[in-house]
C-alpha atoms as a PDB file:
ATOM      1  CA  UNK A   1       0.000   0.000   0.000  1.00  0.00           C
ATOM      2  CA  UNK A   2       2.888   2.379   0.739  1.00  0.00           C
ATOM      3  CA  UNK A   3       3.931   2.213  -2.921  1.00  0.00           C
ATOM      4  CA  UNK A   4       0.473   2.946  -4.281  1.00  0.00           C
ATOM      5  CA  UNK A   5      -0.695   6.380  -5.366  1.00  0.00           C
ATOM      6  CA  UNK A   6      -4.284   6.909  -4.155  1.00  0.00           C
ATOM      7  CA  UNK A   7      -4.814   9.288  -7.073  1.00  0.00           C
ATOM      8  CA  UNK A   8      -4.897   6.140  -9.204  1.00  0.00           C
ATOM      9  CA  UNK A   9      -8.152   5.238  -7.452  1.00  0.00           C
ATOM     10  CA  UNK A  10      -9.704   8.462  -8.745  1.00  0.00           C
ATOM     11  CA  UNK A  11      -8.430   7.745 -12.259  1.00  0.00           C
ATOM     12  CA  UNK A  12      -9.648   4.130 -12.094  1.00  0.00           C
ATOM     13  CA  UNK A  13     -13.139   5.211 -11.030  1.00  0.00           C
ATOM     14  CA  UNK A  14     -13.358   7.697 -13.918  1.00  0.00           C
ATOM     15  CA  UNK A  15     -12.059   5.182 -16.467  1.00  0.00           C
ATOM     16  CA  UNK A  16     -14.455   2.462 -15.332  1.00  0.00           C
ATOM     17  CA  UNK A  17     -17.375   4.896 -15.405  1.00  0.00           C
ATOM     18  CA  UNK A  18     -16.626   6.623 -18.709  1.00  0.00           C
ATOM     19  CA  UNK A  19     -14.967   3.679 -20.539  1.00  0.00           C
ATOM     20  CA  UNK A  20     -12.955   6.259 -22.440  1.00  0.00           C
ATOM     21  CA  UNK A  21      -9.595   7.906 -21.752  1.00  0.00           C
ATOM     22  CA  UNK A  22     -10.689  11.200 -23.322  1.00  0.00           C
ATOM     23  CA  UNK A  23     -14.014  11.400 -21.457  1.00  0.00           C
ATOM     24  CA  UNK A  24     -12.371  10.358 -18.183  1.00  0.00           C
ATOM     25  CA  UNK A  25      -9.704  13.045 -18.657  1.00  0.00           C
ATOM     26  CA  UNK A  26     -12.395  15.651 -19.327  1.00  0.00           C
ATOM     27  CA  UNK A  27     -14.323  14.554 -16.242  1.00  0.00           C
ATOM     28  CA  UNK A  28     -11.209  14.901 -14.036  1.00  0.00           C
ATOM     29  CA  UNK A  29     -10.033  18.057 -15.832  1.00  0.00           C
ATOM     30  CA  UNK A  30      -6.739  16.401 -16.731  1.00  0.00           C
ATOM     31  CA  UNK A  31      -4.868  16.097 -20.018  1.00  0.00           C
ATOM     32  CA  UNK A  32      -5.281  12.909 -22.037  1.00  0.00           C
ATOM     33  CA  UNK A  33      -1.538  12.077 -21.766  1.00  0.00           C
ATOM     34  CA  UNK A  34      -1.792  12.308 -17.961  1.00  0.00           C
ATOM     35  CA  UNK A  35      -4.742   9.928 -17.835  1.00  0.00           C
ATOM     36  CA  UNK A  36      -3.139   7.597 -20.385  1.00  0.00           C
ATOM     37  CA  UNK A  37      -0.115   7.420 -18.072  1.00  0.00           C
ATOM     38  CA  UNK A  38      -2.418   6.580 -15.142  1.00  0.00           C
ATOM     39  CA  UNK A  39      -4.071   3.829 -17.207  1.00  0.00           C
ATOM     40  CA  UNK A  40      -0.645   2.408 -18.061  1.00  0.00           C
ATOM     41  CA  UNK A  41       0.261   2.255 -14.358  1.00  0.00           C
ATOM     42  CA  UNK A  42      -3.054   0.585 -13.550  1.00  0.00           C
ATOM     43  CA  UNK A  43      -2.518  -1.983 -16.297  1.00  0.00           C
ATOM     44  CA  UNK A  44       0.944  -2.755 -14.911  1.00  0.00           C
ATOM     45  CA  UNK A  45      -0.354  -3.060 -11.354  1.00  0.00           C
ATOM     46  CA  UNK A  46      -3.261  -5.369 -12.198  1.00  0.00           C
ATOM     47  CA  UNK A  47      -1.597  -7.200 -15.091  1.00  0.00           C
ATOM     48  CA  UNK A  48      -4.761  -6.561 -17.084  1.00  0.00           C
ATOM     49  CA  UNK A  49      -5.687  -4.086 -19.877  1.00  0.00           C
ATOM     50  CA  UNK A  50      -8.735  -2.783 -17.873  1.00  0.00           C
ATOM     51  CA  UNK A  51     -10.180  -1.270 -21.081  1.00  0.00           C
ATOM     52  CA  UNK A  52     -10.268  -3.501 -24.155  1.00  0.00           C
ATOM     53  CA  UNK A  53     -10.743  -1.836 -27.537  1.00  0.00           C
ATOM     54  CA  UNK A  54     -13.757  -2.924 -29.577  1.00  0.00           C
ATOM     55  CA  UNK A  55     -13.938  -1.004 -32.855  1.00  0.00           C
ATOM     56  CA  UNK A  56     -14.107   2.698 -32.002  1.00  0.00           C
ATOM     57  CA  UNK A  57     -15.017   2.118 -28.357  1.00  0.00           C
ATOM     58  CA  UNK A  58     -13.771   0.272 -25.285  1.00  0.00           C
ATOM     59  CA  UNK A  59     -15.278  -2.527 -23.182  1.00  0.00           C
ATOM     60  CA  UNK A  60     -14.429  -3.335 -19.589  1.00  0.00           C
ATOM     61  CA  UNK A  61     -12.431  -6.515 -19.142  1.00  0.00           C
ATOM     62  CA  UNK A  62     -13.860  -9.178 -16.787  1.00  0.00           C
ATOM     63  CA  UNK A  63     -11.472  -7.958 -14.063  1.00  0.00           C
ATOM     64  CA  UNK A  64     -12.557  -4.347 -14.626  1.00  0.00           C
ATOM     65  CA  UNK A  65     -16.203  -5.371 -14.213  1.00  0.00           C
ATOM     66  CA  UNK A  66     -15.309  -6.853 -10.818  1.00  0.00           C
ATOM     67  CA  UNK A  67     -13.284  -3.778  -9.883  1.00  0.00           C
ATOM     68  CA  UNK A  68     -16.240  -1.506 -10.723  1.00  0.00           C
ATOM     69  CA  UNK A  69     -18.243  -3.143  -7.929  1.00  0.00           C
ATOM     70  CA  UNK A  70     -15.711  -1.956  -5.317  1.00  0.00           C
ATOM     71  CA  UNK A  71     -14.020   1.142  -6.719  1.00  0.00           C
ATOM     72  CA  UNK A  72     -16.861   3.612  -6.111  1.00  0.00           C
ATOM     73  CA  UNK A  73     -17.274   2.373  -2.532  1.00  0.00           C
ATOM     74  CA  UNK A  74     -13.519   2.581  -1.888  1.00  0.00           C
ATOM     75  CA  UNK A  75     -13.363   6.105  -3.310  1.00  0.00           C
ATOM     76  CA  UNK A  76     -16.307   7.258  -1.204  1.00  0.00           C
ATOM     77  CA  UNK A  77     -14.751   5.780   1.947  1.00  0.00           C
ATOM     78  CA  UNK A  78     -11.459   7.541   1.141  1.00  0.00           C
ATOM     79  CA  UNK A  79     -13.287  10.847   0.711  1.00  0.00           C
ATOM     80  CA  UNK A  80     -14.980  10.413   4.079  1.00  0.00           C
ATOM     81  CA  UNK A  81     -11.627   9.714   5.760  1.00  0.00           C
ATOM     82  CA  UNK A  82      -9.976  12.865   4.425  1.00  0.00           C
ATOM     83  CA  UNK A  83     -13.042  15.070   4.898  1.00  0.00           C
ATOM     84  CA  UNK A  84     -13.131  14.289   8.620  1.00  0.00           C
ATOM     85  CA  UNK A  85     -12.477  17.233  10.944  1.00  0.00           C
ATOM     86  CA  UNK A  86     -11.280  17.407  14.535  1.00  0.00           C
ATOM     87  CA  UNK A  87     -13.874  20.071  15.356  1.00  0.00           C
ATOM     88  CA  UNK A  88     -17.106  19.696  13.412  1.00  0.00           C
ATOM     89  CA  UNK A  89     -19.948  22.183  13.672  1.00  0.00           C
ATOM     90  CA  UNK A  90     -23.243  21.433  11.942  1.00  0.00           C
ATOM     91  CA  UNK A  91     -24.115  25.142  11.804  1.00  0.00           C
ATOM     92  CA  UNK A  92     -21.053  25.899   9.671  1.00  0.00           C
ATOM     93  CA  UNK A  93     -20.641  22.585   7.854  1.00  0.00           C
ATOM     94  CA  UNK A  94     -21.294  21.946   4.176  1.00  0.00           C
ATOM     95  CA  UNK A  95     -22.381  18.331   3.943  1.00  0.00           C
ATOM     96  CA  UNK A  96     -24.818  16.023   2.165  1.00  0.00           C
ATOM     97  CA  UNK A  97     -26.296  12.975   3.882  1.00  0.00           C
ATOM     98  CA  UNK A  98     -27.608  10.214   1.617  1.00  0.00           C
ATOM     99  CA  UNK A  99     -30.492   8.075   2.857  1.00  0.00           C
ATOM    100  CA  UNK A 100     -32.246   5.112   1.220  1.00  0.00           C
ATOM    101  CA  UNK A 101     -35.912   4.425   1.887  1.00  0.00           C
ATOM    102  CA  UNK A 102     -39.423   4.122   0.498  1.00  0.00           C
ATOM    103  CA  UNK A 103     -41.663   7.009  -0.526  1.00  0.00           C
ATOM    104  CA  UNK A 104     -43.591   6.355   2.708  1.00  0.00           C
ATOM    105  CA  UNK A 105     -40.429   6.961   4.745  1.00  0.00           C
ATOM    106  CA  UNK A 106     -39.655  10.125   2.795  1.00  0.00           C
ATOM    107  CA  UNK A 107     -43.191  11.541   3.073  1.00  0.00           C
ATOM    108  CA  UNK A 108     -43.121  11.110   6.859  1.00  0.00           C
ATOM    109  CA  UNK A 109     -39.706  10.862   8.539  1.00  0.00           C
ATOM    110  CA  UNK A 110     -37.706  12.311   5.644  1.00  0.00           C
ATOM    111  CA  UNK A 111     -39.848  15.398   5.343  1.00  0.00           C
ATOM    112  CA  UNK A 112     -39.748  15.991   9.090  1.00  0.00           C
ATOM    113  CA  UNK A 113     -35.956  15.702   9.363  1.00  0.00           C
ATOM    114  CA  UNK A 114     -35.327  17.948   6.358  1.00  0.00           C
ATOM    115  CA  UNK A 115     -37.445  20.710   7.886  1.00  0.00           C
ATOM    116  CA  UNK A 116     -35.709  20.336  11.247  1.00  0.00           C
ATOM    117  CA  UNK A 117     -32.212  20.447   9.743  1.00  0.00           C
ATOM    118  CA  UNK A 118     -33.137  23.408   7.526  1.00  0.00           C
ATOM    119  CA  UNK A 119     -33.352  25.652  10.586  1.00  0.00           C
ATOM    120  CA  UNK A 120     -30.347  24.210  12.404  1.00  0.00           C
ATOM    121  CA  UNK A 121     -27.801  23.680   9.629  1.00  0.00           C
ATOM    122  CA  UNK A 122     -28.654  25.608   6.453  1.00  0.00           C
ATOM    123  CA  UNK A 123     -25.639  24.295   4.507  1.00  0.00           C
ATOM    124  CA  UNK A 124     -26.415  20.646   5.197  1.00  0.00           C
ATOM    125  CA  UNK A 125     -28.768  18.845   2.841  1.00  0.00           C
ATOM    126  CA  UNK A 126     -30.251  15.379   2.590  1.00  0.00           C
ATOM    127  CA  UNK A 127     -30.402  13.232  -0.515  1.00  0.00           C
ATOM    128  CA  UNK A 128     -33.287  10.748  -0.236  1.00  0.00           C
ATOM    129  CA  UNK A 129     -32.911   7.812  -2.620  1.00  0.00           C
ATOM    130  CA  UNK A 130     -35.649   5.252  -3.289  1.00  0.00           C
ATOM    131  CA  UNK A 131     -34.534   1.770  -2.379  1.00  0.00           C
ATOM    132  CA  UNK A 132     -35.168  -1.302  -4.502  1.00  0.00           C
ATOM    133  CA  UNK A 133     -35.402  -4.971  -3.590  1.00  0.00           C
ATOM    134  CA  UNK A 134     -31.838  -5.358  -4.893  1.00  0.00           C
ATOM    135  CA  UNK A 135     -30.590  -2.638  -2.538  1.00  0.00           C
ATOM    136  CA  UNK A 136     -32.344  -4.249   0.433  1.00  0.00           C
ATOM    137  CA  UNK A 137     -30.859  -7.647  -0.415  1.00  0.00           C
ATOM    138  CA  UNK A 138     -27.360  -6.108  -0.629  1.00  0.00           C
ATOM    139  CA  UNK A 139     -27.881  -3.561   2.129  1.00  0.00           C
ATOM    140  CA  UNK A 140     -24.706  -4.317   4.119  1.00  0.00           C
ATOM    141  CA  UNK A 141     -22.578  -3.428   1.095  1.00  0.00           C
ATOM    142  CA  UNK A 142     -24.769  -0.525  -0.077  1.00  0.00           C
ATOM    143  CA  UNK A 143     -24.510   1.206   3.292  1.00  0.00           C
ATOM    144  CA  UNK A 144     -20.762   1.520   2.915  1.00  0.00           C
ATOM    145  CA  UNK A 145     -21.393   4.464   0.574  1.00  0.00           C
ATOM    146  CA  UNK A 146     -24.681   5.784   2.003  1.00  0.00           C
ATOM    147  CA  UNK A 147     -25.428   7.210   5.422  1.00  0.00           C
ATOM    148  CA  UNK A 148     -28.435   5.072   6.220  1.00  0.00           C
ATOM    149  CA  UNK A 149     -31.659   3.403   5.218  1.00  0.00           C
ATOM    150  CA  UNK A 150     -35.128   4.052   6.616  1.00  0.00           C
ATOM    151  CA  UNK A 151     -36.784   0.679   7.022  1.00  0.00           C
ATOM    152  CA  UNK A 152     -39.235  -0.922   9.460  1.00  0.00           C
ATOM    153  CA  UNK A 153     -38.106  -3.899  11.474  1.00  0.00           C
ATOM    154  CA  UNK A 154     -38.566  -7.225   9.746  1.00  0.00           C
ATOM    155  CA  UNK A 155     -36.707  -7.310   6.426  1.00  0.00           C
ATOM    156  CA  UNK A 156     -33.239  -6.501   7.885  1.00  0.00           C
ATOM    157  CA  UNK A 157     -30.962  -7.506  10.728  1.00  0.00           C
ATOM    158  CA  UNK A 158     -27.303  -7.446  11.705  1.00  0.00           C
ATOM    159  CA  UNK A 159     -26.855  -3.662  11.448  1.00  0.00           C
ATOM    160  CA  UNK A 160     -26.888  -0.897  14.079  1.00  0.00           C
ATOM    161  CA  UNK A 161     -30.167   1.027  14.224  1.00  0.00           C
ATOM    162  CA  UNK A 162     -32.290   3.437  16.209  1.00  0.00           C
ATOM    163  CA  UNK A 163     -36.048   3.079  16.478  1.00  0.00           C
ATOM    164  CA  UNK A 164     -37.821   6.220  15.289  1.00  0.00           C
ATOM    165  CA  UNK A 165     -41.603   5.995  15.514  1.00  0.00           C
ATOM    166  CA  UNK A 166     -44.477   3.554  15.460  1.00  0.00           C
ATOM    167  CA  UNK A 167     -47.258   3.463  12.911  1.00  0.00           C
ATOM    168  CA  UNK A 168     -50.212   1.186  12.175  1.00  0.00           C
ATOM    169  CA  UNK A 169     -51.871  -0.319   9.097  1.00  0.00           C
ATOM    170  CA  UNK A 170     -55.126   0.589   7.364  1.00  0.00           C
ATOM    171  CA  UNK A 171     -56.837  -0.878   4.307  1.00  0.00           C
ATOM    172  CA  UNK A 172     -57.761   1.196   1.266  1.00  0.00           C
ATOM    173  CA  UNK A 173     -60.861   0.533  -0.835  1.00  0.00           C
ATOM    174  CA  UNK A 174     -62.462   2.554  -3.598  1.00  0.00           C
ATOM    175  CA  UNK A 175     -65.222   4.959  -2.620  1.00  0.00           C
ATOM    176  CA  UNK A 176     -68.507   3.205  -3.348  1.00  0.00           C
ATOM    177  CA  UNK A 177     -66.971  -0.270  -3.556  1.00  0.00           C
ATOM    178  CA  UNK A 178     -70.047  -2.522  -3.055  1.00  0.00           C
ATOM    179  CA  UNK A 179     -67.927  -5.128  -1.253  1.00  0.00           C
ATOM    180  CA  UNK A 180     -67.163  -2.729   1.602  1.00  0.00           C
ATOM    181  CA  UNK A 181     -70.493  -0.979   2.028  1.00  0.00           C
ATOM    182  CA  UNK A 182     -71.009  -2.887   5.306  1.00  0.00           C
ATOM    183  CA  UNK A 183     -67.407  -2.451   6.429  1.00  0.00           C
ATOM    184  CA  UNK A 184     -64.220  -4.462   6.065  1.00  0.00           C
ATOM    185  CA  UNK A 185     -64.487  -8.160   6.903  1.00  0.00           C
ATOM    186  CA  UNK A 186     -62.203 -11.171   6.589  1.00  0.00           C
ATOM    187  CA  UNK A 187     -64.519 -12.474   3.853  1.00  0.00           C
ATOM    188  CA  UNK A 188     -63.985  -9.260   1.883  1.00  0.00           C
ATOM    189  CA  UNK A 189     -60.225  -9.618   2.332  1.00  0.00           C
ATOM    190  CA  UNK A 190     -60.323 -13.208   1.103  1.00  0.00           C
ATOM    191  CA  UNK A 191     -62.543 -12.610  -1.921  1.00  0.00           C
ATOM    192  CA  UNK A 192     -61.320  -9.216  -3.184  1.00  0.00           C
ATOM    193  CA  UNK A 193     -58.468  -8.580  -5.643  1.00  0.00           C
ATOM    194  CA  UNK A 194     -55.444  -6.802  -4.171  1.00  0.00           C
ATOM    195  CA  UNK A 195     -52.647  -4.419  -5.014  1.00  0.00           C
ATOM    196  CA  UNK A 196     -49.587  -5.329  -2.962  1.00  0.00           C
ATOM    197  CA  UNK A 197     -46.501  -3.217  -2.360  1.00  0.00           C
ATOM    198  CA  UNK A 198     -43.095  -4.789  -2.987  1.00  0.00           C
ATOM    199  CA  UNK A 199     -43.600  -8.510  -2.189  1.00  0.00           C
ATOM    200  CA  UNK A 200     -40.263 -10.275  -2.424  1.00  0.00           C
ATOM    201  CA  UNK A 201     -38.088 -12.359  -0.135  1.00  0.00           C
ATOM    202  CA  UNK A 202     -36.613  -9.306   1.594  1.00  0.00           C
ATOM    203  CA  UNK A 203     -39.201  -6.608   0.848  1.00  0.00           C
ATOM    204  CA  UNK A 204     -42.686  -7.140   2.216  1.00  0.00           C
ATOM    205  CA  UNK A 205     -45.254  -5.605   4.552  1.00  0.00           C
ATOM    206  CA  UNK A 206     -45.841  -7.186   7.932  1.00  0.00           C
ATOM    207  CA  UNK A 207     -49.622  -6.890   7.534  1.00  0.00           C
ATOM    208  CA  UNK A 208     -49.465  -8.619   4.148  1.00  0.00           C
ATOM    209  CA  UNK A 209     -47.574 -11.503   5.747  1.00  0.00           C
ATOM    210  CA  UNK A 210     -50.180 -11.643   8.524  1.00  0.00           C
ATOM    211  CA  UNK A 211     -53.007 -12.086   6.020  1.00  0.00           C
ATOM    212  CA  UNK A 212     -51.185 -15.082   4.576  1.00  0.00           C
ATOM    213  CA  UNK A 213     -50.501 -16.462   8.056  1.00  0.00           C
ATOM    214  CA  UNK A 214     -54.241 -16.267   8.751  1.00  0.00           C
ATOM    215  CA  UNK A 215     -54.738 -18.804   5.975  1.00  0.00           C
ATOM    216  CA  UNK A 216     -55.741 -16.349   3.225  1.00  0.00           C
ATOM    217  CA  UNK A 217     -53.773 -16.221  -0.010  1.00  0.00           C
ATOM    218  CA  UNK A 218     -54.665 -12.808  -1.498  1.00  0.00           C
ATOM    219  CA  UNK A 219     -55.438 -12.612  -5.210  1.00  0.00           C
ATOM    220  CA  UNK A 220     -52.824 -10.047  -6.232  1.00  0.00           C
ATOM    221  CA  UNK A 221     -53.525  -8.166  -9.485  1.00  0.00           C
ATOM    222  CA  UNK A 222     -50.583  -5.762  -9.299  1.00  0.00           C
ATOM    223  CA  UNK A 223     -47.373  -5.299  -7.332  1.00  0.00           C
ATOM    224  CA  UNK A 224     -46.287  -1.701  -6.790  1.00  0.00           C
ATOM    225  CA  UNK A 225     -42.940  -0.458  -5.455  1.00  0.00           C
ATOM    226  CA  UNK A 226     -44.585   2.632  -3.999  1.00  0.00           C
ATOM    227  CA  UNK A 227     -46.933   3.437  -1.148  1.00  0.00           C
ATOM    228  CA  UNK A 228     -47.810   7.025  -2.042  1.00  0.00           C
ATOM    229  CA  UNK A 229     -49.246   6.074  -5.456  1.00  0.00           C
ATOM    230  CA  UNK A 230     -51.163   3.054  -4.150  1.00  0.00           C
ATOM    231  CA  UNK A 231     -54.528   4.938  -3.995  1.00  0.00           C
ATOM    232  CA  UNK A 232     -54.441   5.501  -7.776  1.00  0.00           C
ATOM    233  CA  UNK A 233     -54.440   1.712  -8.284  1.00  0.00           C
ATOM    234  CA  UNK A 234     -57.427   1.322  -5.919  1.00  0.00           C
ATOM    235  CA  UNK A 235     -59.770   4.142  -6.977  1.00  0.00           C
ATOM    236  CA  UNK A 236     -62.550   3.047  -9.323  1.00  0.00           C
ATOM    237  CA  UNK A 237     -61.901  -0.683  -8.824  1.00  0.00           C
ATOM    238  CA  UNK A 238     -62.882  -3.442  -6.408  1.00  0.00           C
ATOM    239  CA  UNK A 239     -59.272  -3.827  -5.310  1.00  0.00           C
ATOM    240  CA  UNK A 240     -57.948  -3.478  -1.774  1.00  0.00           C
ATOM    241  CA  UNK A 241     -54.541  -2.286  -0.613  1.00  0.00           C
ATOM    242  CA  UNK A 242     -52.598  -1.971   2.633  1.00  0.00           C
ATOM    243  CA  UNK A 243     -51.137   1.383   3.548  1.00  0.00           C
ATOM    244  CA  UNK A 244     -49.591   2.931   6.639  1.00  0.00           C
ATOM    245  CA  UNK A 245     -51.868   5.106   8.768  1.00  0.00           C
ATOM    246  CA  UNK A 246     -49.294   7.881   8.448  1.00  0.00           C
ATOM    247  CA  UNK A 247     -50.222   8.148   4.762  1.00  0.00           C
ATOM    248  CA  UNK A 248     -54.005   7.905   5.242  1.00  0.00           C
ATOM    249  CA  UNK A 249     -54.640  11.666   5.038  1.00  0.00           C
ATOM    250  CA  UNK A 250     -52.551  11.887   1.871  1.00  0.00           C
ATOM    251  CA  UNK A 251     -54.475   8.977   0.346  1.00  0.00           C
ATOM    252  CA  UNK A 252     -57.835  10.580   1.178  1.00  0.00           C
ATOM    253  CA  UNK A 253     -56.684  13.892  -0.261  1.00  0.00           C
ATOM    254  CA  UNK A 254     -55.982  12.172  -3.588  1.00  0.00           C
ATOM    255  CA  UNK A 255     -59.661  11.196  -3.717  1.00  0.00           C
ATOM    256  CA  UNK A 256     -61.572   8.125  -4.785  1.00  0.00           C
ATOM    257  CA  UNK A 257     -60.700   5.934  -1.806  1.00  0.00           C
ATOM    258  CA  UNK A 258     -61.886   5.171   1.710  1.00  0.00           C
ATOM    259  CA  UNK A 259     -59.857   4.026   4.708  1.00  0.00           C
ATOM    260  CA  UNK A 260     -60.792   1.036   6.891  1.00  0.00           C
ATOM    261  CA  UNK A 261     -59.264  -0.489   9.997  1.00  0.00           C
ATOM    262  CA  UNK A 262     -58.167  -4.093   9.378  1.00  0.00           C
ATOM    263  CA  UNK A 263     -60.565  -6.744  10.744  1.00  0.00           C
ATOM    264  CA  UNK A 264     -57.593  -8.431  12.431  1.00  0.00           C
ATOM    265  CA  UNK A 265     -54.999  -7.305  14.963  1.00  0.00           C
ATOM    266  CA  UNK A 266     -52.375  -5.949  12.566  1.00  0.00           C
ATOM    267  CA  UNK A 267     -48.833  -5.842  13.942  1.00  0.00           C
ATOM    268  CA  UNK A 268     -47.735  -2.206  14.387  1.00  0.00           C
ATOM    269  CA  UNK A 269     -44.860  -0.847  12.308  1.00  0.00           C
ATOM    270  CA  UNK A 270     -41.678   0.154  14.122  1.00  0.00           C
ATOM    271  CA  UNK A 271     -39.804   2.459  11.769  1.00  0.00           C
ATOM    272  CA  UNK A 272     -36.045   2.587  12.216  1.00  0.00           C
ATOM    273  CA  UNK A 273     -32.897   4.156  10.800  1.00  0.00           C
ATOM    274  CA  UNK A 274     -30.159   1.626   9.980  1.00  0.00           C
ATOM    275  CA  UNK A 275     -26.511   2.335   9.139  1.00  0.00           C
ATOM    276  CA  UNK A 276     -23.152   0.672   8.552  1.00  0.00           C
ATOM    277  CA  UNK A 277     -21.104  -0.018  11.730  1.00  0.00           C
ATOM    278  CA  UNK A 278     -18.202   2.024  10.327  1.00  0.00           C
ATOM    279  CA  UNK A 279     -20.189   5.220  10.975  1.00  0.00           C
ATOM    280  CA  UNK A 280     -21.321   4.490  14.527  1.00  0.00           C
ATOM    281  CA  UNK A 281     -18.758   6.768  16.218  1.00  0.00           C
ATOM    282  CA  UNK A 282     -18.519   9.405  13.483  1.00  0.00           C
ATOM    283  CA  UNK A 283     -19.530  12.806  14.978  1.00  0.00           C
ATOM    284  CA  UNK A 284     -21.247  13.975  11.785  1.00  0.00           C
ATOM    285  CA  UNK A 285     -23.259  10.774  11.615  1.00  0.00           C
ATOM    286  CA  UNK A 286     -24.141  11.006  15.305  1.00  0.00           C
ATOM    287  CA  UNK A 287     -25.515  14.510  14.681  1.00  0.00           C
ATOM    288  CA  UNK A 288     -27.558  13.214  11.748  1.00  0.00           C
ATOM    289  CA  UNK A 289     -29.031  10.397  13.832  1.00  0.00           C
ATOM    290  CA  UNK A 290     -30.009  12.876  16.527  1.00  0.00           C
ATOM    291  CA  UNK A 291     -31.930  14.904  13.945  1.00  0.00           C
ATOM    292  CA  UNK A 292     -33.827  11.802  12.843  1.00  0.00           C
ATOM    293  CA  UNK A 293     -34.678  10.898  16.430  1.00  0.00           C
ATOM    294  CA  UNK A 294     -35.975  14.391  17.198  1.00  0.00           C
ATOM    295  CA  UNK A 295     -37.917  14.653  13.941  1.00  0.00           C
ATOM    296  CA  UNK A 296     -39.556  11.265  14.511  1.00  0.00           C
ATOM    297  CA  UNK A 297     -40.684  12.372  17.962  1.00  0.00           C
ATOM    298  CA  UNK A 298     -42.798  15.052  16.244  1.00  0.00           C
ATOM    299  CA  UNK A 299     -44.736  12.472  14.190  1.00  0.00           C
ATOM    300  CA  UNK A 300     -48.040  10.978  15.413  1.00  0.00           C
ATOM    301  CA  UNK A 301     -47.337   7.627  17.074  1.00  0.00           C
ATOM    302  CA  UNK A 302     -49.430   4.630  16.068  1.00  0.00           C
END
């Protein structure tokens, strides 16, 4: 490691991203000869061409494809190391925190924390990024380059977390749905078509699992990776959908739907913020977690 130039990591990241010496040089504001020299050193170090010419363009070699999976994370970790400060003040800091989550998390916790931080640290901003099932399945690696993920308990384990706030489940049905004119019953749940959110091995709703555990296999007509847009798939149909109570007012404001309490004892949602262990003692991250905890305390519980 003592013989390596960490600037080569920057060059490698640009080359793997751009797949072109000229575009990588432009991105880094370097001359093409300088970046060509960096590529030559990388090729010598790895014993691999990294970029293989194909006609007028370049392809990544099999080794380069593997390197691309780690280079961005390594570069981000290096940036965090050298951006660390002995005395850090949120009021004067310029910083961006990146958080994964669902649109439900952003419409509730995310919105609350952004408003809180706006008054306390005007030069700090949050980047809220929608998660996918692939991100959840690879969350331990993804959180090396992100500051956290907003996720209820259930799909994840093995990471540090703080509990934020508790919410409950409600069922959406279209206004005027003849199947719910006498209320929501287990028979209605069993016989109605459904729109489910997510529904994979690592991404699911606890209430959806409960319905299955009660011996009912819902007839799912659509799977949606969004909670906020769920009402648009319910309105004007005989479908049902599960949504968090924290989004009920937003769903009603969109129109065309009604909200019902489940006819079973739905397990409450405990929303949490999860992060990589490497950031546990980082003062900037500790400040961020405090903002989330205080913002969550302002949200209606249950």
